[in-house]
Amino acid sequence: MNLKITILLPAIILLIAGCEKQQPSDDGYVAPDVPSEVNENNLLSIEFYSRMDETTLFETNDYQSVVSHIAANKTPLAFLFDRSDATIGNTSPVVDIAWQSRLKSFFIQNQTGDTQIKGTGMIVRSLVPGFEGFAVTDTLFLAGCRLTAPLSQPTVVTIMTCKLTESCQFPVLVRCLGGKPDDEIIIIGTIKASLKEEMSSYLRYNMTDFRLSFVDPEDTGKSNSLFILSSIKAVYRESKELTMNSFPLFQCNIEYINQ
């Protein structure tokens, strides 16, 4: 069996100065309130696997528990695997998991190297009508794909991911999104926990029509948190932190409103 990893190449290359500062001109943007009642028919689920630090997710090749879980769990629209690094010439565990589960996979890089590429693997069930991506060399890689979510009405969503480790990535992220996320965009990734407050403040004064949520791991000793950034049409509702054998994961539920 000869399996090959597919690396998702960003569709658009932007040249942006990394760490420029902008002064707030008002009290900043605050997203409108959301309905208190959850519409179960408009919920979509994303599973995000991460150790919430900078260690490799697949420390061993024993990931059959993940294969079994994905095969049995039909609800999530997508499965993301943080730090599922790719080694040139070797088969990625995410590719193997997808092959065994009869699903589709691709890879979103975070950092390149001569023999190893750090990044996030992604597995999806449905056909992928298009890929989206941005890259600013040595600063930010943001990429993902468009999918049709089976909500109360079939809804196209673009699930993207990136890793935020420095505050100079915030203005780059804002410019990649054109100052506000498109209605269909959901970005889910990791952020260094010490940067959460700074990210919230920067986006409030430099972006509009967005919602931002953070999910902290139960282990307070972890260096990273999960962030979910979307348009105002999507709202993060809840997550469950689980462990599948030795693989920690977050089951995140996000609701689309105003359908």
Protein backbone atom coordinates (compact mmCIF):
# COMPACT_ATOMS: atom_id res chain seq x y z
CA MET A 1 0.00 0.00 0.00
CA ASN A 2 1.47 3.28 -1.08
CA LEU A 3 -0.17 6.23 0.66
CA LYS A 4 0.83 9.80 -0.01
CA ILE A 5 0.11 12.87 2.03
CA THR A 6 -1.56 15.81 0.36
CA ILE A 7 -0.30 19.18 1.55
CA LEU A 8 -2.88 21.92 1.21
CA LEU A 9 -1.18 24.77 -0.57
CA PRO A 10 -2.56 28.20 0.27
CA ALA A 11 -4.55 29.74 -2.54
CA ILE A 12 -3.44 33.32 -1.98
CA ILE A 13 -0.03 34.64 -1.00
CA LEU A 14 -0.04 37.97 0.84
CA LEU A 15 2.90 40.17 1.65
CA ILE A 16 2.09 41.91 4.91
CA ALA A 17 4.26 43.62 7.47
CA GLY A 18 4.06 41.50 10.58
CA CYS A 19 3.95 43.55 13.76
CA GLU A 20 2.44 46.92 12.90
CA LYS A 21 0.31 48.59 15.60
CA GLN A 22 -2.99 50.38 15.21
CA GLN A 23 -4.52 52.78 17.70
CA PRO A 24 -8.13 52.23 18.74
CA SER A 25 -10.48 54.95 17.51
CA ASP A 26 -13.55 54.12 19.64
CA ASP A 27 -14.78 51.60 22.18
CA GLY A 28 -14.25 48.74 19.79
CA TYR A 29 -16.56 46.17 18.24
CA VAL A 30 -18.89 44.02 20.33
CA ALA A 31 -20.83 41.21 18.68
CA PRO A 32 -24.63 41.23 19.01
CA ASP A 33 -26.29 38.96 21.54
CA VAL A 34 -27.27 35.46 20.46
CA PRO A 35 -30.49 33.58 21.16
CA SER A 36 -30.47 31.97 24.59
CA GLU A 37 -32.18 28.86 23.20
CA VAL A 38 -30.05 26.54 21.11
CA ASN A 39 -31.49 25.31 17.81
CA GLU A 40 -30.29 21.71 17.72
CA ASN A 41 -31.04 21.50 14.00
CA ASN A 42 -28.45 24.17 13.26
CA LEU A 43 -25.59 22.72 15.33
CA LEU A 44 -22.44 21.45 13.67
CA SER A 45 -19.69 19.56 15.45
CA ILE A 46 -15.93 19.73 14.98
CA GLU A 47 -13.45 17.48 16.79
CA PHE A 48 -10.07 19.03 17.53
CA TYR A 49 -7.28 16.71 18.68
CA SER A 50 -4.42 18.43 20.51
CA ARG A 51 -2.09 17.99 23.47
CA MET A 52 -2.37 21.76 23.99
CA ASP A 53 1.38 22.22 24.01
CA GLU A 54 4.13 21.95 21.41
CA THR A 55 4.61 18.19 21.58
CA THR A 56 3.77 15.93 18.66
CA LEU A 57 0.26 14.47 18.74
CA PHE A 58 1.21 11.04 17.39
CA GLU A 59 3.97 9.99 19.75
CA THR A 60 3.29 6.34 18.84
CA ASN A 61 1.75 4.50 15.87
CA ASP A 62 -1.01 3.04 18.04
CA TYR A 63 -3.95 5.14 16.87
CA GLN A 64 -6.53 2.41 16.24
CA SER A 65 -8.71 3.90 18.97
CA VAL A 66 -8.99 7.07 16.86
CA VAL A 67 -9.88 5.04 13.76
CA SER A 68 -12.60 3.18 15.68
CA HIS A 69 -13.94 6.40 17.19
CA ILE A 70 -14.19 8.16 13.83
CA ALA A 71 -15.84 5.14 12.21
CA ALA A 72 -18.46 5.01 14.97
CA ASN A 73 -19.02 8.76 15.37
CA LYS A 74 -20.96 10.08 12.38
CA THR A 75 -21.79 13.51 13.85
CA PRO A 76 -18.63 15.67 13.39
CA LEU A 77 -18.34 17.57 10.14
CA ALA A 78 -14.54 17.60 10.42
CA PHE A 79 -11.71 16.18 12.53
CA LEU A 80 -8.56 18.28 13.03
CA PHE A 81 -5.25 16.97 14.38
CA ASP A 82 -2.93 19.62 15.82
CA ARG A 83 0.81 18.91 15.52
CA SER A 84 0.27 15.87 13.32
CA ASP A 85 3.60 16.71 11.71
CA ALA A 86 4.51 15.36 8.28
CA THR A 87 7.91 13.84 7.54
CA ILE A 88 9.05 13.91 3.93
CA GLY A 89 8.93 10.38 2.47
CA ASN A 90 6.75 8.90 5.23
CA THR A 91 3.02 8.31 5.42
CA SER A 92 1.25 10.66 7.80
CA PRO A 93 -0.83 9.03 10.56
CA VAL A 94 -3.73 11.29 9.55
CA VAL A 95 -3.61 9.94 5.99
CA ASP A 96 -3.61 6.39 7.34
CA ILE A 97 -6.50 7.13 9.74
CA ALA A 98 -8.52 8.62 6.89
CA TRP A 99 -7.74 5.68 4.60
CA GLN A 100 -8.82 3.15 7.23
CA SER A 101 -11.98 5.21 7.92
CA ARG A 102 -12.74 5.60 4.18
CA LEU A 103 -12.69 9.39 4.53
CA LYS A 104 -10.75 12.25 2.96
CA SER A 105 -7.70 13.98 4.42
CA PHE A 106 -5.32 16.84 3.77
CA PHE A 107 -2.64 18.76 5.64
CA ILE A 108 -2.31 22.41 6.62
CA GLN A 109 1.23 23.49 7.36
CA ASN A 110 2.22 25.71 10.28
CA GLN A 111 6.00 25.68 9.89
CA THR A 112 8.26 24.23 7.22
CA GLY A 113 11.61 22.50 7.52
CA ASP A 114 14.03 20.49 5.43
CA THR A 115 12.65 17.07 6.40
CA GLN A 116 9.67 17.80 8.65
CA ILE A 117 6.63 20.03 8.20
CA LYS A 118 4.77 21.03 11.35
CA GLY A 119 1.06 21.41 10.88
CA THR A 120 -2.50 20.24 11.32
CA GLY A 121 -4.09 17.27 9.60
CA MET A 122 -7.76 17.45 8.65
CA ILE A 123 -10.22 14.65 7.92
CA VAL A 124 -13.67 15.27 6.46
CA ARG A 125 -16.61 13.09 5.42
CA SER A 126 -18.14 15.02 2.56
CA LEU A 127 -16.76 15.95 -0.82
CA VAL A 128 -14.66 19.10 -0.78
CA PRO A 129 -15.81 21.60 -3.43
CA GLY A 130 -12.98 24.02 -2.77
CA PHE A 131 -9.93 24.89 -0.70
CA GLU A 132 -9.17 28.27 0.85
CA GLY A 133 -5.89 29.57 2.18
CA PHE A 134 -3.51 32.42 2.93
CA ALA A 135 0.20 32.38 3.63
CA VAL A 136 2.57 35.02 4.88
CA THR A 137 6.01 33.47 4.90
CA ASP A 138 7.43 32.88 8.38
CA THR A 139 4.40 34.60 9.96
CA LEU A 140 1.05 32.91 9.36
CA PHE A 141 -0.42 29.95 7.50
CA LEU A 142 -4.23 29.94 7.46
CA ALA A 143 -6.03 27.32 5.37
CA GLY A 144 -8.98 24.97 5.18
CA CYS A 145 -11.81 23.82 2.95
CA ARG A 146 -15.44 24.50 2.05
CA LEU A 147 -17.99 21.90 3.10
CA THR A 148 -21.75 21.57 3.08
CA ALA A 149 -23.10 21.22 6.62
CA PRO A 150 -26.34 19.22 6.96
CA LEU A 151 -28.20 21.79 9.06
CA SER A 152 -31.90 22.65 8.90
CA GLN A 153 -31.00 23.95 5.45
CA PRO A 154 -27.84 22.69 3.66
CA THR A 155 -25.28 25.37 4.52
CA VAL A 156 -21.84 25.92 3.00
CA VAL A 157 -19.18 26.50 5.66
CA THR A 158 -15.45 27.05 5.34
CA ILE A 159 -13.54 25.40 8.17
CA MET A 160 -10.03 26.79 8.53
CA THR A 161 -7.21 26.45 11.03
CA CYS A 162 -4.00 28.16 12.06
CA LYS A 163 -1.63 28.31 15.01
CA LEU A 164 -1.11 31.61 16.87
CA THR A 165 2.14 31.87 18.82
CA GLU A 166 3.03 35.58 18.53
CA SER A 167 1.04 38.79 18.74
CA CYS A 168 2.46 40.00 15.42
CA GLN A 169 0.22 37.42 13.75
CA PHE A 170 -2.95 39.27 14.77
CA PRO A 171 -2.76 42.11 12.19
CA VAL A 172 -1.85 39.55 9.54
CA LEU A 173 -4.91 37.46 10.41
CA VAL A 174 -7.16 40.53 10.25
CA ARG A 175 -5.85 41.52 6.83
CA CYS A 176 -6.15 37.98 5.49
CA LEU A 177 -9.84 38.13 6.41
CA GLY A 178 -10.33 41.57 4.90
CA GLY A 179 -11.24 43.16 8.22
CA LYS A 180 -14.09 40.74 8.96
CA PRO A 181 -14.76 37.01 8.46
CA ASP A 182 -17.05 35.94 5.63
CA ASP A 183 -20.38 34.57 6.80
CA GLU A 184 -19.36 30.99 6.13
CA ILE A 185 -15.94 31.03 7.83
CA ILE A 186 -15.13 29.16 11.05
CA ILE A 187 -11.49 29.24 12.17
CA ILE A 188 -10.50 26.82 14.93
CA GLY A 189 -6.91 26.50 16.11
CA THR A 190 -4.54 26.86 19.02
CA ILE A 191 -3.22 30.04 20.61
CA LYS A 192 -0.56 30.52 23.24
CA ALA A 193 -2.61 30.97 26.40
CA SER A 194 -0.72 34.11 27.43
CA LEU A 195 -1.90 35.85 24.22
CA LYS A 196 -5.67 35.42 24.66
CA GLU A 197 -6.33 38.82 26.22
CA GLU A 198 -4.16 40.60 23.67
CA MET A 199 -5.91 38.85 20.79
CA SER A 200 -9.34 39.79 22.15
CA SER A 201 -8.31 43.42 22.49
CA TYR A 202 -6.65 43.67 19.09
CA LEU A 203 -9.56 42.12 17.22
CA ARG A 204 -12.06 44.28 19.07
CA TYR A 205 -10.42 47.43 17.72
CA ASN A 206 -9.40 46.15 14.30
CA MET A 207 -12.11 43.78 13.10
CA THR A 208 -15.90 43.83 12.80
CA ASP A 209 -18.75 41.32 12.46
CA PHE A 210 -16.96 38.53 14.30
CA ARG A 211 -17.29 36.27 17.30
CA LEU A 212 -14.29 35.00 19.28
CA SER A 213 -14.31 32.27 21.92
CA PHE A 214 -11.60 30.45 23.85
CA VAL A 215 -11.59 26.94 25.29
CA ASP A 216 -9.06 26.24 28.03
CA PRO A 217 -7.87 22.69 28.73
CA GLU A 218 -8.71 21.18 32.10
CA ASP A 219 -4.98 20.80 32.76
CA THR A 220 -4.02 24.32 33.81
CA GLY A 221 -0.37 23.53 33.20
CA LYS A 222 -0.82 23.46 29.43
CA SER A 223 0.70 26.31 27.40
CA ASN A 224 -2.02 26.58 24.73
CA SER A 225 -5.74 27.18 24.50
CA LEU A 226 -8.23 26.58 21.73
CA PHE A 227 -9.71 29.58 19.91
CA ILE A 228 -12.78 29.73 17.68
CA LEU A 229 -13.17 32.75 15.40
CA SER A 230 -16.17 33.14 13.11
CA SER A 231 -18.61 35.59 11.61
CA ILE A 232 -21.58 36.74 13.69
CA LYS A 233 -23.72 34.08 12.00
CA ALA A 234 -21.94 31.34 13.91
CA VAL A 235 -21.74 31.03 17.68
CA TYR A 236 -19.69 28.65 19.78
CA ARG A 237 -22.02 26.84 22.18
CA GLU A 238 -20.06 24.24 24.11
CA SER A 239 -17.23 21.72 24.07
CA LYS A 240 -16.37 18.48 25.80
CA GLU A 241 -12.79 17.52 26.58
CA LEU A 242 -12.23 13.80 26.10
CA THR A 243 -9.35 11.36 25.80
CA MET A 244 -9.39 8.65 23.15
CA ASN A 245 -6.86 6.19 24.53
CA SER A 246 -3.83 8.53 24.74
CA PHE A 247 -5.18 11.16 22.36
CA PRO A 248 -6.85 14.23 23.93
CA LEU A 249 -9.61 15.88 21.95
CA PHE A 250 -12.24 18.62 22.16
CA GLN A 251 -15.73 18.06 20.77
CA CYS A 252 -16.91 21.56 19.83
CA ASN A 253 -20.50 22.44 18.97
CA ILE A 254 -21.12 25.57 16.91
CA GLU A 255 -24.55 26.89 15.96
CA TYR A 256 -25.44 28.79 12.82
CA ILE A 257 -28.10 31.39 13.55
CA ASN A 258 -30.46 33.45 11.37
CA GLN A 259 -30.98 30.57 8.97
